[in-house]
């Protein structure tokens, strides 16, 4: 009986995923514990050809600035045109064969693929609120719909705001929590996120009800802020 229930939940989740018309492209991430995250990112910026070995459309780093799960939390990310390209290029570069200087700067932890469940645009630099959220299969479609409306409402006062929802694939024990998704809200600067918070607590926003609805549809289990930057582009 439990097996049949599990299969039914997986089928429902797949149906919701297919009906939602997920965003284009795919991402991969390589999570590390860095001795000095800024120095590690600077090294990659000066040696950006290392990020191009797997033929991504773009690549860069995200450094956790608040809410870190461990000291030196950061990851290297790569964007691809499709999940097929992301997975097909997995073996094109071995991070464990990195230059000695780079290996001395970090301890590898894990890697993952990510499928956007709605449209998502990256930018040269961004400051991002990051939530890992548990959303039950029966609520996923509504969660994405409400998140899209929430994004559009915030864009009325901040046109550059972007909200992404990502499903992990191959993330190991770190990301394989049942029904867990990563939600990333992008602005250009940390202060823009601060203004969102000031306006919300002052009652000066039109999106408060939508935000509360999002909270009711999912359970936040991790909350942090990342500073992200593009370090390589294929163009």
Protein backbone atom coordinates (compact mmCIF):
# COMPACT_ATOMS: atom_id res chain seq x y z
CA UNK A 1 0.00 0.00 0.00
CA UNK A 2 2.79 2.45 0.89
CA UNK A 3 4.48 1.69 -2.44
CA UNK A 4 1.25 2.44 -4.34
CA UNK A 5 0.83 5.69 -2.41
CA UNK A 6 4.41 6.69 -3.26
CA UNK A 7 3.87 5.93 -6.95
CA UNK A 8 0.66 7.98 -6.94
CA UNK A 9 2.47 10.96 -5.38
CA UNK A 10 5.28 10.71 -7.94
CA UNK A 11 2.78 10.55 -10.79
CA UNK A 12 0.92 13.59 -9.47
CA UNK A 13 4.17 15.51 -9.06
CA UNK A 14 5.20 14.66 -12.64
CA UNK A 15 1.79 15.73 -13.95
CA UNK A 16 1.99 19.10 -12.18
CA UNK A 17 5.55 19.58 -13.46
CA UNK A 18 4.52 18.89 -17.05
CA UNK A 19 1.43 21.10 -16.93
CA UNK A 20 3.31 24.09 -15.57
CA UNK A 21 5.47 24.73 -18.68
CA UNK A 22 8.77 25.04 -16.74
CA UNK A 23 11.35 27.66 -17.55
CA UNK A 24 13.96 27.18 -20.22
CA UNK A 25 17.47 25.93 -19.62
CA UNK A 26 19.20 24.25 -16.72
CA UNK A 27 21.87 24.93 -14.11
CA UNK A 28 24.57 22.97 -12.37
CA UNK A 29 26.20 23.90 -9.07
CA UNK A 30 29.42 22.84 -7.36
CA UNK A 31 29.25 23.58 -3.63
CA UNK A 32 32.43 24.12 -1.65
CA UNK A 33 33.72 25.27 1.72
CA UNK A 34 36.17 28.04 0.87
CA UNK A 35 38.99 29.25 3.09
CA UNK A 36 38.24 32.76 1.81
CA UNK A 37 35.20 32.88 -0.54
CA UNK A 38 36.12 36.28 -1.98
CA UNK A 39 39.66 35.16 -2.85
CA UNK A 40 38.30 31.97 -4.40
CA UNK A 41 35.85 33.96 -6.57
CA UNK A 42 38.62 36.41 -7.54
CA UNK A 43 40.86 33.52 -8.64
CA UNK A 44 38.09 32.18 -10.87
CA UNK A 45 37.48 35.66 -12.26
CA UNK A 46 41.15 35.91 -13.24
CA UNK A 47 41.12 32.37 -14.67
CA UNK A 48 37.62 32.33 -16.15
CA UNK A 49 38.63 29.83 -18.84
CA UNK A 50 38.32 27.15 -16.15
CA UNK A 51 34.59 27.88 -16.03
CA UNK A 52 34.24 27.40 -19.78
CA UNK A 53 35.52 23.83 -19.90
CA UNK A 54 32.00 22.39 -19.64
CA UNK A 55 30.67 24.65 -22.40
CA UNK A 56 28.07 26.58 -20.38
CA UNK A 57 26.18 29.59 -21.67
CA UNK A 58 27.39 31.44 -18.57
CA UNK A 59 29.04 30.64 -15.25
CA UNK A 60 29.88 32.36 -12.00
CA UNK A 61 29.84 32.17 -8.23
CA UNK A 62 27.43 32.76 -5.37
CA UNK A 63 28.81 33.56 -1.90
CA UNK A 64 26.51 33.23 1.13
CA UNK A 65 26.58 36.52 3.02
CA UNK A 66 23.95 35.79 5.69
CA UNK A 67 22.35 32.60 6.98
CA UNK A 68 25.24 30.33 5.99
CA UNK A 69 24.93 26.64 6.78
CA UNK A 70 28.71 26.40 7.29
CA UNK A 71 31.72 28.72 7.37
CA UNK A 72 32.93 29.64 3.89
CA UNK A 73 29.71 28.62 2.15
CA UNK A 74 29.65 29.31 -1.59
CA UNK A 75 29.17 27.56 -4.90
CA UNK A 76 30.19 27.77 -8.54
CA UNK A 77 27.25 27.71 -10.94
CA UNK A 78 26.92 27.09 -14.66
CA UNK A 79 23.95 27.85 -16.94
CA UNK A 80 23.06 25.68 -19.92
CA UNK A 81 20.50 25.83 -22.71
CA UNK A 82 18.98 22.51 -21.65
CA UNK A 83 19.22 19.77 -19.07
CA UNK A 84 20.60 17.52 -21.81
CA UNK A 85 23.53 19.91 -22.33
CA UNK A 86 24.09 20.28 -18.60
CA UNK A 87 24.35 16.54 -18.05
CA UNK A 88 26.15 15.80 -21.31
CA UNK A 89 29.01 18.13 -20.31
CA UNK A 90 29.39 16.73 -16.79
CA UNK A 91 32.62 14.88 -17.55
CA UNK A 92 34.19 17.68 -19.59
CA UNK A 93 35.86 19.06 -16.47
CA UNK A 94 36.99 17.33 -13.29
CA UNK A 95 36.97 19.76 -10.34
CA UNK A 96 39.25 17.40 -8.45
CA UNK A 97 41.90 17.95 -11.13
CA UNK A 98 41.82 21.72 -10.69
CA UNK A 99 45.04 23.73 -10.47
CA UNK A 100 46.86 23.23 -7.17
CA UNK A 101 46.35 26.84 -6.11
CA UNK A 102 42.59 26.52 -6.59
CA UNK A 103 42.35 23.21 -4.73
CA UNK A 104 44.13 24.79 -1.76
CA UNK A 105 41.38 27.41 -1.51
CA UNK A 106 38.41 25.11 -0.97
CA UNK A 107 37.02 21.78 0.16
CA UNK A 108 34.56 20.20 -2.31
CA UNK A 109 31.22 19.24 -0.76
CA UNK A 110 28.67 18.25 -3.40
CA UNK A 111 27.23 19.12 -6.81
CA UNK A 112 23.71 19.25 -8.24
CA UNK A 113 21.67 19.95 -11.35
CA UNK A 114 18.70 22.34 -11.22
CA UNK A 115 15.66 22.68 -13.47
CA UNK A 116 13.88 26.08 -13.42
CA UNK A 117 10.13 25.65 -12.89
CA UNK A 118 9.40 29.16 -14.17
CA UNK A 119 11.21 31.74 -16.28
CA UNK A 120 14.39 33.06 -14.67
CA UNK A 121 16.92 35.62 -15.89
CA UNK A 122 20.44 35.92 -14.51
CA UNK A 123 22.37 39.20 -14.43
CA UNK A 124 26.01 40.30 -14.14
CA UNK A 125 25.71 40.86 -10.38
CA UNK A 126 22.87 40.20 -7.99
CA UNK A 127 21.99 39.94 -4.33
CA UNK A 128 19.61 37.04 -3.72
CA UNK A 129 17.36 35.85 -0.93
CA UNK A 130 17.48 32.07 -0.98
CA UNK A 131 14.86 29.80 0.56
CA UNK A 132 14.70 26.04 0.51
CA UNK A 133 10.99 25.34 0.65
CA UNK A 134 8.94 22.19 1.13
CA UNK A 135 5.94 22.28 -1.21
CA UNK A 136 3.59 19.30 -1.31
CA UNK A 137 2.83 17.97 -4.82
CA UNK A 138 -0.82 19.01 -4.68
CA UNK A 139 0.25 22.62 -3.94
CA UNK A 140 3.12 22.97 -6.44
CA UNK A 141 1.19 24.35 -9.40
CA UNK A 142 -0.59 26.94 -7.25
CA UNK A 143 2.69 27.85 -5.54
CA UNK A 144 4.33 28.61 -8.90
CA UNK A 145 1.31 30.59 -10.07
CA UNK A 146 1.20 32.70 -6.90
CA UNK A 147 4.99 33.17 -7.04
CA UNK A 148 4.67 34.48 -10.61
CA UNK A 149 2.00 36.99 -9.59
CA UNK A 150 4.09 37.97 -6.57
CA UNK A 151 7.08 38.59 -8.84
CA UNK A 152 5.00 40.75 -11.20
CA UNK A 153 3.64 42.82 -8.32
CA UNK A 154 7.11 43.52 -6.90
CA UNK A 155 8.32 44.48 -10.37
CA UNK A 156 5.91 47.44 -10.32
CA UNK A 157 8.17 49.15 -7.77
CA UNK A 158 11.41 47.31 -8.64
CA UNK A 159 11.45 46.32 -12.36
CA UNK A 160 14.67 44.36 -11.93
CA UNK A 161 13.28 41.93 -9.36
CA UNK A 162 13.32 38.28 -10.48
CA UNK A 163 11.99 35.22 -8.68
CA UNK A 164 13.21 31.73 -9.55
CA UNK A 165 11.97 28.31 -8.44
CA UNK A 166 14.24 25.33 -9.03
CA UNK A 167 13.88 21.57 -8.71
CA UNK A 168 17.11 19.77 -7.75
CA UNK A 169 18.25 16.73 -9.70
CA UNK A 170 21.17 14.59 -8.53
CA UNK A 171 21.86 16.75 -5.48
CA UNK A 172 22.54 13.85 -3.15
CA UNK A 173 21.48 13.88 0.48
CA UNK A 174 21.93 17.65 0.69
CA UNK A 175 19.14 18.42 -1.78
CA UNK A 176 17.10 15.20 -1.86
CA UNK A 177 14.66 16.24 0.87
CA UNK A 178 11.18 15.16 -0.19
CA UNK A 179 9.31 17.89 -2.11
CA UNK A 180 12.07 20.45 -1.52
CA UNK A 181 12.64 23.30 -3.97
CA UNK A 182 15.03 26.25 -4.06
CA UNK A 183 13.45 29.70 -4.36
CA UNK A 184 15.71 32.64 -5.25
CA UNK A 185 14.65 36.30 -5.28
CA UNK A 186 17.10 38.56 -7.16
CA UNK A 187 17.77 42.27 -6.84
CA UNK A 188 20.80 44.30 -7.93
CA UNK A 189 21.80 45.40 -4.40
CA UNK A 190 21.39 44.28 -0.78
CA UNK A 191 19.61 47.56 0.01
CA UNK A 192 16.76 46.68 -2.34
CA UNK A 193 16.00 43.60 -0.28
CA UNK A 194 16.19 45.75 2.84
CA UNK A 195 13.65 48.16 1.37
CA UNK A 196 11.28 45.27 0.64
CA UNK A 197 11.49 44.32 4.32
CA UNK A 198 11.03 47.92 5.54
CA UNK A 199 8.00 48.44 3.33
CA UNK A 200 6.45 45.10 4.31
CA UNK A 201 6.75 45.70 8.06
CA UNK A 202 5.47 49.26 7.63
CA UNK A 203 2.40 47.94 5.84
CA UNK A 204 3.25 49.89 2.67
CA UNK A 205 3.06 47.06 0.12
CA UNK A 206 0.42 45.72 -2.22
CA UNK A 207 1.91 42.25 -2.25
CA UNK A 208 1.59 41.31 1.44
CA UNK A 209 -1.39 39.03 0.86
CA UNK A 210 0.38 37.18 -1.96
CA UNK A 211 3.47 36.75 0.22
CA UNK A 212 1.35 35.31 3.04
CA UNK A 213 -0.30 32.98 0.52
CA UNK A 214 3.13 31.72 -0.58
CA UNK A 215 4.04 31.05 3.04
CA UNK A 216 0.82 29.06 3.49
CA UNK A 217 1.53 26.89 0.44
CA UNK A 218 5.06 25.88 1.48
CA UNK A 219 7.31 25.49 4.50
CA UNK A 220 10.62 27.37 4.55
CA UNK A 221 13.36 25.17 6.02
CA UNK A 222 16.37 27.33 5.15
CA UNK A 223 16.76 31.09 4.68
CA UNK A 224 19.88 32.92 3.51
CA UNK A 225 21.25 35.72 1.30
CA UNK A 226 23.76 35.18 -1.50
CA UNK A 227 25.95 37.59 -3.45
CA UNK A 228 26.23 36.28 -7.02
CA UNK A 229 28.24 37.29 -10.08
CA UNK A 230 28.73 36.13 -13.66
CA UNK A 231 32.42 35.38 -14.25
CA UNK A 232 32.23 33.72 -17.67
CA UNK A 233 30.02 33.94 -20.76
CA UNK A 234 30.24 31.92 -23.96
CA UNK A 235 29.79 35.01 -26.15
